[in-house]
N, C-alpha and C. Protein backbone atom coordinates (compact mmCIF):
# COMPACT_ATOMS: atom_id res chain seq x y z
N UNK A 1 107.27 94.85 146.41
CA UNK A 1 107.34 93.83 145.37
C UNK A 1 108.31 94.29 144.28
N UNK A 2 109.16 93.39 143.81
CA UNK A 2 110.14 93.71 142.78
C UNK A 2 109.50 93.67 141.39
N UNK A 3 110.09 94.42 140.48
CA UNK A 3 109.61 94.43 139.09
C UNK A 3 109.86 93.06 138.47
N UNK A 4 108.87 92.55 137.77
CA UNK A 4 108.99 91.26 137.10
C UNK A 4 109.40 91.49 135.66
N UNK A 5 110.38 90.76 135.18
CA UNK A 5 110.92 90.96 133.83
C UNK A 5 109.87 90.65 132.76
N UNK A 6 110.03 91.35 131.66
CA UNK A 6 109.17 91.16 130.49
C UNK A 6 109.18 89.69 130.08
N UNK A 7 107.99 89.15 129.77
CA UNK A 7 107.79 87.79 129.30
C UNK A 7 108.22 86.72 130.30
N UNK A 8 108.41 87.09 131.57
CA UNK A 8 108.91 86.12 132.53
C UNK A 8 107.79 85.37 133.26
N UNK A 9 106.56 85.84 133.11
CA UNK A 9 105.44 85.21 133.81
C UNK A 9 104.52 84.52 132.82
N UNK A 10 103.91 83.45 133.29
CA UNK A 10 102.86 82.79 132.53
C UNK A 10 101.53 83.09 133.21
N UNK A 11 100.49 83.38 132.44
CA UNK A 11 99.21 83.68 133.09
C UNK A 11 98.57 82.42 133.68
N UNK A 12 97.93 82.61 134.82
CA UNK A 12 97.19 81.51 135.43
C UNK A 12 95.86 81.36 134.69
N UNK A 13 95.16 80.27 134.96
CA UNK A 13 93.84 80.06 134.36
C UNK A 13 92.89 81.20 134.74
N UNK A 14 92.99 81.68 135.99
CA UNK A 14 92.14 82.78 136.44
C UNK A 14 92.49 84.07 135.70
N UNK A 15 93.78 84.33 135.48
CA UNK A 15 94.19 85.55 134.77
C UNK A 15 93.75 85.50 133.31
N UNK A 16 93.82 84.33 132.69
CA UNK A 16 93.36 84.18 131.32
C UNK A 16 91.85 84.42 131.25
N UNK A 17 91.11 83.83 132.19
CA UNK A 17 89.65 83.99 132.21
C UNK A 17 89.24 85.44 132.42
N UNK A 18 90.02 86.18 133.20
CA UNK A 18 89.69 87.57 133.51
C UNK A 18 90.17 88.55 132.44
N UNK A 19 91.03 88.10 131.55
CA UNK A 19 91.61 89.00 130.55
C UNK A 19 90.54 89.41 129.53
N UNK A 20 90.46 90.70 129.27
CA UNK A 20 89.42 91.23 128.38
C UNK A 20 89.89 91.65 127.00
N UNK A 21 91.20 91.58 126.74
CA UNK A 21 91.69 91.92 125.41
C UNK A 21 92.25 93.31 125.26
N UNK A 22 92.12 94.15 126.26
CA UNK A 22 92.63 95.53 126.24
C UNK A 22 92.21 96.27 124.96
N UNK A 23 93.18 96.84 124.26
CA UNK A 23 92.91 97.60 123.03
C UNK A 23 92.48 96.71 121.86
N UNK A 24 92.66 95.43 121.98
CA UNK A 24 92.25 94.46 120.95
C UNK A 24 90.98 93.73 121.38
N UNK A 25 90.19 94.34 122.24
CA UNK A 25 89.06 93.67 122.88
C UNK A 25 88.12 92.98 121.90
N UNK A 26 87.64 93.71 120.88
CA UNK A 26 86.66 93.12 119.95
C UNK A 26 87.25 91.93 119.21
N UNK A 27 88.46 92.08 118.68
CA UNK A 27 89.10 90.97 117.96
C UNK A 27 89.37 89.80 118.90
N UNK A 28 89.85 90.11 120.10
CA UNK A 28 90.17 89.06 121.07
C UNK A 28 88.93 88.26 121.45
N UNK A 29 87.86 88.95 121.83
CA UNK A 29 86.64 88.24 122.25
C UNK A 29 86.05 87.41 121.12
N UNK A 30 86.08 87.94 119.90
CA UNK A 30 85.60 87.17 118.75
C UNK A 30 86.49 85.94 118.51
N UNK A 31 87.80 86.13 118.64
CA UNK A 31 88.74 85.01 118.44
C UNK A 31 88.52 83.91 119.49
N UNK A 32 88.32 84.30 120.73
CA UNK A 32 88.08 83.32 121.80
C UNK A 32 86.78 82.57 121.53
N UNK A 33 85.73 83.31 121.19
CA UNK A 33 84.41 82.69 120.97
C UNK A 33 84.42 81.71 119.80
N UNK A 34 85.26 81.96 118.80
CA UNK A 34 85.28 81.10 117.60
C UNK A 34 86.39 80.05 117.63
N UNK A 35 87.11 79.94 118.76
CA UNK A 35 88.24 79.00 118.86
C UNK A 35 89.29 79.26 117.79
N UNK A 36 89.50 80.52 117.45
CA UNK A 36 90.47 80.94 116.44
C UNK A 36 91.89 80.57 116.85
N UNK A 37 92.71 80.30 115.85
CA UNK A 37 94.16 80.14 116.01
C UNK A 37 94.84 81.02 114.98
N UNK A 38 95.96 81.61 115.35
CA UNK A 38 96.71 82.42 114.39
C UNK A 38 97.13 81.51 113.23
N UNK A 39 96.80 81.90 112.00
CA UNK A 39 97.18 81.06 110.87
C UNK A 39 98.68 81.07 110.58
N UNK A 40 99.42 81.94 111.25
CA UNK A 40 100.87 81.94 111.10
C UNK A 40 101.54 80.99 112.07
N UNK A 41 101.39 81.27 113.36
CA UNK A 41 102.10 80.48 114.38
C UNK A 41 101.25 79.40 115.02
N UNK A 42 99.93 79.44 114.82
CA UNK A 42 99.05 78.41 115.36
C UNK A 42 98.62 78.60 116.80
N UNK A 43 99.01 79.71 117.44
CA UNK A 43 98.62 79.92 118.83
C UNK A 43 97.15 80.34 118.91
N UNK A 44 96.50 79.96 120.02
CA UNK A 44 95.13 80.40 120.28
C UNK A 44 95.18 81.85 120.77
N UNK A 45 93.99 82.48 120.81
CA UNK A 45 93.92 83.85 121.32
C UNK A 45 94.44 83.92 122.75
N UNK A 46 94.09 82.95 123.58
CA UNK A 46 94.56 82.95 124.97
C UNK A 46 96.08 82.78 125.06
N UNK A 47 96.67 82.06 124.11
CA UNK A 47 98.12 81.86 124.13
C UNK A 47 98.88 83.10 123.68
N UNK A 48 98.17 84.12 123.19
CA UNK A 48 98.82 85.38 122.81
C UNK A 48 99.02 86.29 124.02
N UNK A 49 98.32 86.02 125.11
CA UNK A 49 98.43 86.84 126.31
C UNK A 49 99.84 86.70 126.88
N UNK A 50 100.47 87.85 127.16
CA UNK A 50 101.82 87.79 127.73
C UNK A 50 102.07 88.95 128.68
N UNK A 51 103.00 88.74 129.58
CA UNK A 51 103.40 89.74 130.56
C UNK A 51 104.37 90.68 129.88
N UNK A 52 104.03 91.95 129.84
CA UNK A 52 104.87 92.90 129.13
C UNK A 52 104.63 94.31 129.65
N UNK A 53 105.47 95.23 129.22
CA UNK A 53 105.27 96.63 129.56
C UNK A 53 104.04 97.14 128.83
N UNK A 54 103.20 97.84 129.54
CA UNK A 54 102.00 98.41 128.94
C UNK A 54 102.32 99.84 128.53
N UNK A 55 102.11 100.13 127.26
CA UNK A 55 102.44 101.45 126.73
C UNK A 55 101.21 102.35 126.73
N UNK A 56 101.47 103.62 126.90
CA UNK A 56 100.39 104.60 126.93
C UNK A 56 99.93 104.85 128.35
N UNK A 57 99.94 106.11 128.79
CA UNK A 57 99.62 106.41 130.18
C UNK A 57 98.25 105.92 130.65
N UNK A 58 97.22 106.07 129.83
CA UNK A 58 95.89 105.64 130.28
C UNK A 58 95.81 104.11 130.38
N UNK A 59 96.44 103.40 129.43
CA UNK A 59 96.46 101.94 129.48
C UNK A 59 97.27 101.47 130.69
N UNK A 60 98.41 102.11 130.95
CA UNK A 60 99.24 101.73 132.10
C UNK A 60 98.47 101.92 133.40
N UNK A 61 97.75 103.04 133.48
CA UNK A 61 96.99 103.33 134.69
C UNK A 61 95.88 102.31 134.91
N UNK A 62 95.21 101.91 133.84
CA UNK A 62 94.08 100.98 133.95
C UNK A 62 94.50 99.53 134.12
N UNK A 63 95.58 99.12 133.45
CA UNK A 63 95.91 97.69 133.39
C UNK A 63 97.29 97.33 133.95
N UNK A 64 98.13 98.31 134.27
CA UNK A 64 99.48 98.02 134.71
C UNK A 64 99.64 97.93 136.21
N UNK A 65 100.73 97.29 136.62
CA UNK A 65 101.07 97.27 138.03
C UNK A 65 101.85 98.55 138.35
N UNK A 66 102.46 98.62 139.52
CA UNK A 66 103.19 99.84 139.91
C UNK A 66 104.39 100.13 139.01
N UNK A 67 104.81 99.15 138.23
CA UNK A 67 105.94 99.34 137.32
C UNK A 67 105.49 99.50 135.85
N UNK A 68 104.18 99.50 135.63
CA UNK A 68 103.67 99.64 134.26
C UNK A 68 103.66 98.32 133.50
N UNK A 69 103.78 97.22 134.21
CA UNK A 69 103.75 95.90 133.59
C UNK A 69 102.36 95.30 133.76
N UNK A 70 101.98 94.44 132.81
CA UNK A 70 100.68 93.78 132.92
C UNK A 70 100.47 92.79 131.78
N UNK A 71 99.28 92.20 131.75
CA UNK A 71 98.95 91.23 130.70
C UNK A 71 98.52 91.99 129.45
N UNK A 72 99.17 91.70 128.34
CA UNK A 72 98.90 92.39 127.08
C UNK A 72 98.65 91.37 125.97
N UNK A 73 98.23 91.90 124.83
CA UNK A 73 97.98 91.05 123.66
C UNK A 73 98.14 91.89 122.41
N UNK A 74 98.48 91.25 121.33
CA UNK A 74 98.51 91.92 120.03
C UNK A 74 97.90 90.97 119.00
N UNK A 75 96.80 91.41 118.43
CA UNK A 75 96.10 90.66 117.39
C UNK A 75 95.64 91.70 116.37
N UNK A 76 95.82 91.41 115.09
CA UNK A 76 95.61 92.45 114.08
C UNK A 76 95.11 91.88 112.76
N UNK A 77 94.74 92.77 111.89
CA UNK A 77 94.36 92.39 110.52
C UNK A 77 95.60 92.48 109.64
N UNK A 78 95.85 91.43 108.89
CA UNK A 78 97.00 91.37 107.99
C UNK A 78 96.47 91.37 106.56
N UNK A 79 97.08 92.18 105.72
CA UNK A 79 96.60 92.27 104.33
C UNK A 79 97.76 92.30 103.35
N UNK A 80 97.42 92.02 102.12
CA UNK A 80 98.38 92.03 101.03
C UNK A 80 98.63 93.48 100.63
N UNK A 81 99.89 93.88 100.56
CA UNK A 81 100.23 95.26 100.21
C UNK A 81 100.35 95.51 98.71
N UNK A 82 100.38 94.45 97.93
CA UNK A 82 100.50 94.65 96.49
C UNK A 82 99.25 95.29 95.92
N UNK A 83 99.46 96.17 94.98
CA UNK A 83 98.33 96.87 94.37
C UNK A 83 97.84 96.16 93.12
N UNK A 84 98.74 95.48 92.42
CA UNK A 84 98.32 94.90 91.13
C UNK A 84 97.61 93.56 91.26
N UNK A 85 98.11 92.66 92.09
CA UNK A 85 97.48 91.35 92.24
C UNK A 85 97.46 90.96 93.71
N UNK A 86 96.27 90.90 94.27
CA UNK A 86 96.14 90.52 95.68
C UNK A 86 96.40 89.02 95.80
N UNK A 87 97.39 88.67 96.63
CA UNK A 87 97.81 87.28 96.75
C UNK A 87 97.01 86.49 97.79
N UNK A 88 96.37 87.19 98.76
CA UNK A 88 95.60 86.52 99.80
C UNK A 88 94.61 87.52 100.39
N UNK A 89 93.51 87.02 100.96
CA UNK A 89 92.50 87.91 101.55
C UNK A 89 92.98 88.49 102.88
N UNK A 90 92.39 89.60 103.29
CA UNK A 90 92.66 90.14 104.62
C UNK A 90 92.40 89.04 105.65
N UNK A 91 93.29 88.93 106.61
CA UNK A 91 93.24 87.85 107.57
C UNK A 91 93.60 88.36 108.96
N UNK A 92 93.01 87.82 109.99
CA UNK A 92 93.38 88.13 111.37
C UNK A 92 94.57 87.25 111.73
N UNK A 93 95.65 87.89 112.20
CA UNK A 93 96.83 87.16 112.68
C UNK A 93 97.31 87.82 113.97
N UNK A 94 98.22 87.16 114.66
CA UNK A 94 98.78 87.73 115.87
C UNK A 94 99.80 88.81 115.51
N UNK A 95 100.03 89.70 116.45
CA UNK A 95 100.98 90.78 116.23
C UNK A 95 102.39 90.30 115.98
N UNK A 96 102.77 89.17 116.59
CA UNK A 96 104.12 88.64 116.39
C UNK A 96 104.34 88.18 114.95
N UNK A 97 103.35 87.51 114.38
CA UNK A 97 103.47 87.07 112.98
C UNK A 97 103.42 88.27 112.03
N UNK A 98 102.59 89.25 112.35
CA UNK A 98 102.53 90.46 111.53
C UNK A 98 103.87 91.18 111.57
N UNK A 99 104.48 91.26 112.74
CA UNK A 99 105.80 91.89 112.88
C UNK A 99 106.89 91.10 112.16
N UNK A 100 106.76 89.77 112.17
CA UNK A 100 107.75 88.93 111.48
C UNK A 100 107.74 89.22 109.98
N UNK A 101 106.56 89.45 109.40
CA UNK A 101 106.44 89.82 107.99
C UNK A 101 107.30 91.05 107.71
N UNK A 102 107.17 92.08 108.54
CA UNK A 102 107.95 93.30 108.36
C UNK A 102 109.43 93.10 108.62
N UNK A 103 109.77 92.32 109.64
CA UNK A 103 111.18 92.08 109.97
C UNK A 103 111.90 91.38 108.82
N UNK A 104 111.23 90.40 108.21
CA UNK A 104 111.83 89.67 107.10
C UNK A 104 112.05 90.61 105.91
N UNK A 105 111.07 91.44 105.62
CA UNK A 105 111.20 92.37 104.50
C UNK A 105 112.36 93.34 104.73
N UNK A 106 112.49 93.85 105.96
CA UNK A 106 113.59 94.78 106.25
C UNK A 106 114.95 94.08 106.16
N UNK A 107 115.08 92.92 106.80
CA UNK A 107 116.38 92.23 106.84
C UNK A 107 116.82 91.76 105.45
N UNK A 108 115.87 91.28 104.65
CA UNK A 108 116.22 90.75 103.34
C UNK A 108 116.14 91.80 102.23
N UNK A 109 115.73 93.01 102.58
CA UNK A 109 115.64 94.08 101.58
C UNK A 109 114.54 93.84 100.56
N UNK A 110 113.45 93.22 100.98
CA UNK A 110 112.34 92.94 100.07
C UNK A 110 111.48 94.20 99.92
N UNK A 111 110.74 94.30 98.83
CA UNK A 111 109.92 95.50 98.62
C UNK A 111 108.86 95.68 99.71
N UNK A 112 108.62 96.93 100.09
CA UNK A 112 107.58 97.23 101.09
C UNK A 112 106.21 96.82 100.57
N UNK A 113 106.05 96.76 99.26
CA UNK A 113 104.77 96.40 98.66
C UNK A 113 104.52 94.88 98.70
N UNK A 114 105.48 94.12 99.13
CA UNK A 114 105.35 92.66 99.22
C UNK A 114 104.81 92.28 100.59
N UNK A 115 103.96 91.30 100.68
CA UNK A 115 103.49 90.73 101.95
C UNK A 115 103.47 89.22 101.85
N UNK A 116 103.94 88.57 102.91
CA UNK A 116 103.82 87.12 102.99
C UNK A 116 102.40 86.79 103.43
N UNK A 117 101.84 85.75 102.87
CA UNK A 117 100.52 85.29 103.31
C UNK A 117 100.68 84.61 104.67
N UNK A 118 99.60 84.50 105.43
CA UNK A 118 99.69 83.77 106.70
C UNK A 118 100.21 82.34 106.53
N UNK A 119 99.82 81.66 105.46
CA UNK A 119 100.31 80.29 105.22
C UNK A 119 101.82 80.30 104.97
N UNK A 120 102.32 81.33 104.31
CA UNK A 120 103.76 81.44 104.09
C UNK A 120 104.49 81.77 105.39
N UNK A 121 103.92 82.67 106.17
CA UNK A 121 104.51 83.01 107.48
C UNK A 121 104.64 81.75 108.34
N UNK A 122 103.63 80.89 108.28
CA UNK A 122 103.65 79.65 109.07
C UNK A 122 104.85 78.78 108.75
N UNK A 123 105.41 78.92 107.57
CA UNK A 123 106.55 78.09 107.17
C UNK A 123 107.88 78.59 107.74
N UNK A 124 107.96 79.87 108.14
CA UNK A 124 109.25 80.38 108.62
C UNK A 124 109.23 81.01 110.02
N UNK A 125 108.10 80.95 110.72
CA UNK A 125 107.98 81.57 112.04
C UNK A 125 107.64 80.52 113.10
N UNK A 126 108.21 80.71 114.28
CA UNK A 126 107.85 79.91 115.46
C UNK A 126 107.80 80.84 116.65
N UNK A 127 106.70 80.78 117.42
CA UNK A 127 106.54 81.59 118.62
C UNK A 127 105.94 80.69 119.70
N UNK A 128 106.51 80.73 120.87
CA UNK A 128 105.98 79.93 121.99
C UNK A 128 104.77 80.63 122.60
N UNK A 129 103.85 79.85 123.19
CA UNK A 129 102.71 80.47 123.87
C UNK A 129 103.16 81.45 124.96
N UNK A 130 102.43 82.56 125.08
CA UNK A 130 102.65 83.60 126.09
C UNK A 130 104.02 84.26 125.98
N UNK A 131 104.60 84.24 124.79
CA UNK A 131 105.92 84.81 124.57
C UNK A 131 105.92 85.72 123.35
N UNK A 132 106.72 86.75 123.38
CA UNK A 132 106.89 87.60 122.21
C UNK A 132 108.19 87.27 121.50
N UNK A 133 108.84 86.22 121.95
CA UNK A 133 110.12 85.82 121.35
C UNK A 133 109.84 85.01 120.09
N UNK A 134 110.14 85.63 118.96
CA UNK A 134 109.81 85.03 117.67
C UNK A 134 111.07 84.51 116.99
N UNK A 135 111.03 83.26 116.56
CA UNK A 135 112.13 82.68 115.80
C UNK A 135 111.74 82.73 114.32
N UNK A 136 112.63 83.29 113.51
CA UNK A 136 112.37 83.43 112.08
C UNK A 136 113.47 82.72 111.30
N UNK A 137 113.08 81.88 110.36
CA UNK A 137 114.04 81.23 109.47
C UNK A 137 114.08 82.07 108.18
N UNK A 138 115.09 82.92 108.09
CA UNK A 138 115.20 83.85 106.96
C UNK A 138 115.50 83.14 105.65
N UNK A 139 116.17 82.00 105.71
CA UNK A 139 116.46 81.24 104.47
C UNK A 139 115.16 80.74 103.85
N UNK A 140 114.27 80.22 104.67
CA UNK A 140 112.98 79.74 104.16
C UNK A 140 112.16 80.92 103.63
N UNK A 141 112.16 82.03 104.37
CA UNK A 141 111.41 83.21 103.93
C UNK A 141 111.91 83.70 102.57
N UNK A 142 113.22 83.73 102.39
CA UNK A 142 113.78 84.16 101.11
C UNK A 142 113.38 83.21 99.99
N UNK A 143 113.43 81.92 100.26
CA UNK A 143 113.03 80.93 99.24
C UNK A 143 111.56 81.10 98.86
N UNK A 144 110.71 81.37 99.84
CA UNK A 144 109.28 81.60 99.55
C UNK A 144 109.12 82.84 98.68
N UNK A 145 109.80 83.91 99.02
CA UNK A 145 109.71 85.14 98.25
C UNK A 145 110.20 84.91 96.81
N UNK A 146 111.34 84.27 96.67
CA UNK A 146 111.89 84.03 95.32
C UNK A 146 110.96 83.15 94.49
N UNK A 147 110.39 82.13 95.09
CA UNK A 147 109.46 81.25 94.38
C UNK A 147 108.21 82.01 93.95
N UNK A 148 107.66 82.79 94.85
CA UNK A 148 106.45 83.56 94.53
C UNK A 148 106.74 84.63 93.48
N UNK A 149 107.92 85.22 93.52
CA UNK A 149 108.29 86.26 92.53
C UNK A 149 108.40 85.67 91.14
N UNK A 150 108.86 84.44 91.03
CA UNK A 150 108.98 83.79 89.72
C UNK A 150 107.59 83.52 89.11
N UNK A 151 106.61 83.32 89.98
CA UNK A 151 105.26 82.97 89.51
C UNK A 151 104.45 84.19 89.09
N UNK A 152 104.90 85.40 89.46
CA UNK A 152 104.11 86.59 89.10
C UNK A 152 104.65 87.30 87.89
């Protein structure tokens, strides 16, 4: 069998039903049970499942195929990094939206202590189901940052 490219497969209904969440198991199962959607991109927990390289030898051995590929997920807690005024409560978001927050800060040279809220991320991020390919509108992100900075 040939190696299948990253993000090139869509999970079947059976693969989604059998997926246990891997290293994000507790968050994933809670998200599925509560019909959670990422407040950034709007994807369901099941729509976060994607075909990707599995990192870490024990994870690859348990969940990967002969090439180290398998069904993965990233779901995490997102929090406000500011110390003086918390702009939003800790929130569960997908790993792609959490990464987009960091990517925007790096590309635009924003302070590391700044964090976009999930509602703000929703205005500048788009991610397709079962994909890690994230589209970011940096102009909108910059406008959000500038507007919020004027208010503080």
